[in-house]
Amino acid sequence: MSTPIVKPQLRHLLTAQIKKNLVTMMVVSISAGVAYKILVVDKRKQRYADFYRTYDAEKQLKIMNEAGLMQSYKPSKK
């Protein structure tokens, strides 16, 4: 006894595939966004916070002025 061959689904096949692809791509997109935020953005924010915690802008300005990097500032000669 042989079993009958099942007919392939031809009606609404495109709609079913589009729904499946949309759901899959949404999951992948959201996962990629969350991974980027955790792996890149949060670490970058932490590095900026660490840098500016010890950064002294007045000291850097003094170093640049003494090196002659500022065009509108003439260092005092001592």
N, C-alpha and C. Protein backbone atom coordinates (compact mmCIF):
# COMPACT_ATOMS: atom_id res chain seq x y z
N MET A 1 0.84 -1.16 0.00
CA MET A 1 0.00 0.00 0.00
C MET A 1 0.90 1.24 0.00
N SER A 2 0.70 2.08 -0.96
CA SER A 2 1.50 3.29 -1.05
C SER A 2 0.69 4.48 -0.55
N THR A 3 1.40 5.43 0.02
CA THR A 3 0.73 6.62 0.52
C THR A 3 0.65 7.65 -0.60
N PRO A 4 -0.41 8.41 -0.62
CA PRO A 4 -0.54 9.41 -1.68
C PRO A 4 0.47 10.54 -1.49
N ILE A 5 0.93 11.11 -2.57
CA ILE A 5 1.87 12.22 -2.53
C ILE A 5 1.13 13.48 -2.12
N VAL A 6 1.71 14.18 -1.15
CA VAL A 6 1.10 15.42 -0.66
C VAL A 6 1.38 16.53 -1.66
N LYS A 7 0.36 17.28 -1.98
CA LYS A 7 0.52 18.39 -2.91
C LYS A 7 1.29 19.53 -2.22
N PRO A 8 2.14 20.21 -2.94
CA PRO A 8 2.86 21.34 -2.34
C PRO A 8 1.92 22.53 -2.16
N GLN A 9 2.23 23.31 -1.14
CA GLN A 9 1.42 24.50 -0.89
C GLN A 9 1.83 25.57 -1.91
N LEU A 10 0.92 25.96 -2.74
CA LEU A 10 1.21 26.98 -3.72
C LEU A 10 0.45 28.27 -3.45
N ARG A 11 -0.70 28.15 -2.85
CA ARG A 11 -1.46 29.35 -2.51
C ARG A 11 -0.89 29.98 -1.24
N HIS A 12 -0.74 31.29 -1.28
CA HIS A 12 -0.27 32.08 -0.14
C HIS A 12 1.14 31.69 0.30
N LEU A 13 1.89 31.08 -0.58
CA LEU A 13 3.25 30.69 -0.26
C LEU A 13 4.13 31.92 -0.06
N LEU A 14 4.01 32.90 -0.93
CA LEU A 14 4.80 34.13 -0.82
C LEU A 14 4.49 34.86 0.47
N THR A 15 3.22 34.95 0.82
CA THR A 15 2.82 35.63 2.05
C THR A 15 3.41 34.93 3.27
N ALA A 16 3.37 33.61 3.27
CA ALA A 16 3.92 32.86 4.40
C ALA A 16 5.43 33.07 4.51
N GLN A 17 6.12 33.07 3.39
CA GLN A 17 7.57 33.28 3.42
C GLN A 17 7.92 34.69 3.86
N ILE A 18 7.17 35.67 3.42
CA ILE A 18 7.43 37.06 3.82
C ILE A 18 7.24 37.22 5.32
N LYS A 19 6.18 36.64 5.87
CA LYS A 19 5.96 36.73 7.32
C LYS A 19 7.12 36.10 8.08
N LYS A 20 7.55 34.93 7.62
CA LYS A 20 8.65 34.24 8.29
C LYS A 20 9.94 35.07 8.19
N ASN A 21 10.21 35.62 7.02
CA ASN A 21 11.41 36.42 6.84
C ASN A 21 11.36 37.71 7.65
N LEU A 22 10.20 38.34 7.73
CA LEU A 22 10.07 39.56 8.54
C LEU A 22 10.35 39.29 10.01
N VAL A 23 9.78 38.23 10.53
CA VAL A 23 10.01 37.90 11.94
C VAL A 23 11.48 37.59 12.17
N THR A 24 12.08 36.82 11.28
CA THR A 24 13.49 36.48 11.43
C THR A 24 14.38 37.71 11.37
N MET A 25 14.13 38.59 10.43
CA MET A 25 14.96 39.78 10.29
C MET A 25 14.76 40.75 11.45
N MET A 26 13.56 40.83 11.99
CA MET A 26 13.34 41.67 13.17
C MET A 26 14.15 41.15 14.35
N VAL A 27 14.13 39.85 14.56
CA VAL A 27 14.89 39.26 15.66
C VAL A 27 16.39 39.50 15.47
N VAL A 28 16.87 39.31 14.26
CA VAL A 28 18.29 39.51 13.97
C VAL A 28 18.66 40.99 14.14
N SER A 29 17.83 41.89 13.66
CA SER A 29 18.11 43.32 13.76
C SER A 29 18.14 43.80 15.20
N ILE A 30 17.17 43.39 15.97
CA ILE A 30 17.13 43.79 17.37
C ILE A 30 18.32 43.21 18.12
N SER A 31 18.66 41.97 17.84
CA SER A 31 19.82 41.34 18.49
C SER A 31 21.10 42.08 18.14
N ALA A 32 21.27 42.45 16.89
CA ALA A 32 22.46 43.17 16.47
C ALA A 32 22.53 44.54 17.14
N GLY A 33 21.40 45.22 17.24
CA GLY A 33 21.37 46.53 17.90
C GLY A 33 21.73 46.45 19.36
N VAL A 34 21.19 45.47 20.05
CA VAL A 34 21.49 45.29 21.47
C VAL A 34 22.95 44.91 21.65
N ALA A 35 23.46 44.01 20.81
CA ALA A 35 24.86 43.61 20.90
C ALA A 35 25.79 44.80 20.65
N TYR A 36 25.47 45.64 19.67
CA TYR A 36 26.29 46.82 19.38
C TYR A 36 26.29 47.77 20.57
N LYS A 37 25.13 47.97 21.17
CA LYS A 37 25.05 48.87 22.32
C LYS A 37 25.90 48.34 23.46
N ILE A 38 25.78 47.06 23.75
CA ILE A 38 26.50 46.49 24.88
C ILE A 38 28.00 46.43 24.60
N LEU A 39 28.38 45.97 23.41
CA LEU A 39 29.79 45.73 23.13
C LEU A 39 30.56 46.98 22.70
N VAL A 40 29.88 47.96 22.11
CA VAL A 40 30.60 49.12 21.59
C VAL A 40 30.25 50.40 22.35
N VAL A 41 28.98 50.73 22.40
CA VAL A 41 28.57 52.03 22.94
C VAL A 41 28.87 52.14 24.43
N ASP A 42 28.51 51.13 25.21
CA ASP A 42 28.73 51.20 26.64
C ASP A 42 30.22 51.26 26.99
N LYS A 43 31.04 50.49 26.28
CA LYS A 43 32.48 50.53 26.53
C LYS A 43 33.07 51.88 26.13
N ARG A 44 32.59 52.45 25.02
CA ARG A 44 33.08 53.75 24.58
C ARG A 44 32.71 54.83 25.60
N LYS A 45 31.49 54.79 26.10
CA LYS A 45 31.08 55.76 27.11
C LYS A 45 31.95 55.64 28.36
N GLN A 46 32.27 54.42 28.74
CA GLN A 46 33.09 54.20 29.92
C GLN A 46 34.51 54.74 29.71
N ARG A 47 35.07 54.54 28.52
CA ARG A 47 36.41 55.06 28.23
C ARG A 47 36.43 56.58 28.25
N TYR A 48 35.38 57.21 27.68
CA TYR A 48 35.29 58.68 27.74
C TYR A 48 35.19 59.16 29.18
N ALA A 49 34.38 58.50 29.97
CA ALA A 49 34.23 58.90 31.37
C ALA A 49 35.56 58.76 32.12
N ASP A 50 36.27 57.67 31.86
CA ASP A 50 37.58 57.48 32.51
C ASP A 50 38.58 58.55 32.08
N PHE A 51 38.57 58.91 30.81
CA PHE A 51 39.50 59.92 30.31
C PHE A 51 39.22 61.28 30.94
N TYR A 52 37.96 61.69 30.92
CA TYR A 52 37.64 63.03 31.42
C TYR A 52 37.65 63.11 32.94
N ARG A 53 37.70 62.00 33.61
CA ARG A 53 37.81 62.01 35.07
C ARG A 53 39.17 62.57 35.49
N THR A 54 40.21 62.30 34.70
CA THR A 54 41.56 62.75 35.06
C THR A 54 42.08 63.84 34.12
N TYR A 55 41.30 64.31 33.19
CA TYR A 55 41.75 65.28 32.20
C TYR A 55 41.78 66.67 32.80
N ASP A 56 42.88 67.37 32.59
CA ASP A 56 43.01 68.75 33.06
C ASP A 56 43.15 69.66 31.84
N ALA A 57 42.08 70.36 31.51
CA ALA A 57 42.07 71.18 30.31
C ALA A 57 43.03 72.36 30.42
N GLU A 58 43.15 72.94 31.58
CA GLU A 58 44.06 74.08 31.77
C GLU A 58 45.51 73.66 31.55
N LYS A 59 45.87 72.50 32.03
CA LYS A 59 47.22 71.99 31.86
C LYS A 59 47.51 71.75 30.37
N GLN A 60 46.55 71.16 29.65
CA GLN A 60 46.74 70.91 28.23
C GLN A 60 46.83 72.22 27.44
N LEU A 61 46.04 73.22 27.82
CA LEU A 61 46.09 74.52 27.15
C LEU A 61 47.45 75.15 27.35
N LYS A 62 47.98 75.06 28.55
CA LYS A 62 49.29 75.63 28.85
C LYS A 62 50.37 74.94 28.02
N ILE A 63 50.30 73.61 27.89
CA ILE A 63 51.28 72.87 27.11
C ILE A 63 51.21 73.28 25.64
N MET A 64 49.98 73.40 25.10
CA MET A 64 49.82 73.79 23.69
C MET A 64 50.30 75.21 23.45
N ASN A 65 50.03 76.12 24.39
CA ASN A 65 50.47 77.50 24.24
C ASN A 65 51.99 77.59 24.26
N GLU A 66 52.62 76.87 25.16
CA GLU A 66 54.08 76.90 25.25
C GLU A 66 54.73 76.26 24.03
N ALA A 67 54.07 75.32 23.41
CA ALA A 67 54.62 74.67 22.21
C ALA A 67 54.41 75.52 20.96
N GLY A 68 53.61 76.57 21.07
CA GLY A 68 53.37 77.46 19.93
C GLY A 68 52.34 76.94 18.95
N LEU A 69 51.43 76.11 19.40
CA LEU A 69 50.42 75.54 18.52
C LEU A 69 49.23 76.46 18.30
N MET A 70 49.05 77.43 19.15
CA MET A 70 47.94 78.36 19.02
C MET A 70 48.38 79.56 18.19
N GLN A 71 47.68 79.82 17.09
CA GLN A 71 48.08 80.90 16.20
C GLN A 71 47.72 82.27 16.78
N SER A 72 46.66 82.36 17.56
CA SER A 72 46.23 83.65 18.08
C SER A 72 46.85 83.98 19.43
N TYR A 73 47.73 83.15 19.90
CA TYR A 73 48.35 83.35 21.21
C TYR A 73 49.84 83.43 21.06
N LYS A 74 50.42 84.46 21.60
CA LYS A 74 51.88 84.59 21.54
C LYS A 74 52.41 84.30 22.95
N PRO A 75 53.20 83.25 23.09
CA PRO A 75 53.70 82.91 24.42
C PRO A 75 54.61 83.99 24.96
N SER A 76 54.56 84.17 26.26
CA SER A 76 55.42 85.15 26.89
C SER A 76 56.84 84.59 26.94
N LYS A 77 57.81 85.46 26.61
CA LYS A 77 59.21 85.02 26.62
C LYS A 77 59.78 85.26 27.99
N LYS A 78 60.33 84.23 28.56
CA LYS A 78 60.93 84.35 29.90
C LYS A 78 62.40 84.09 29.85
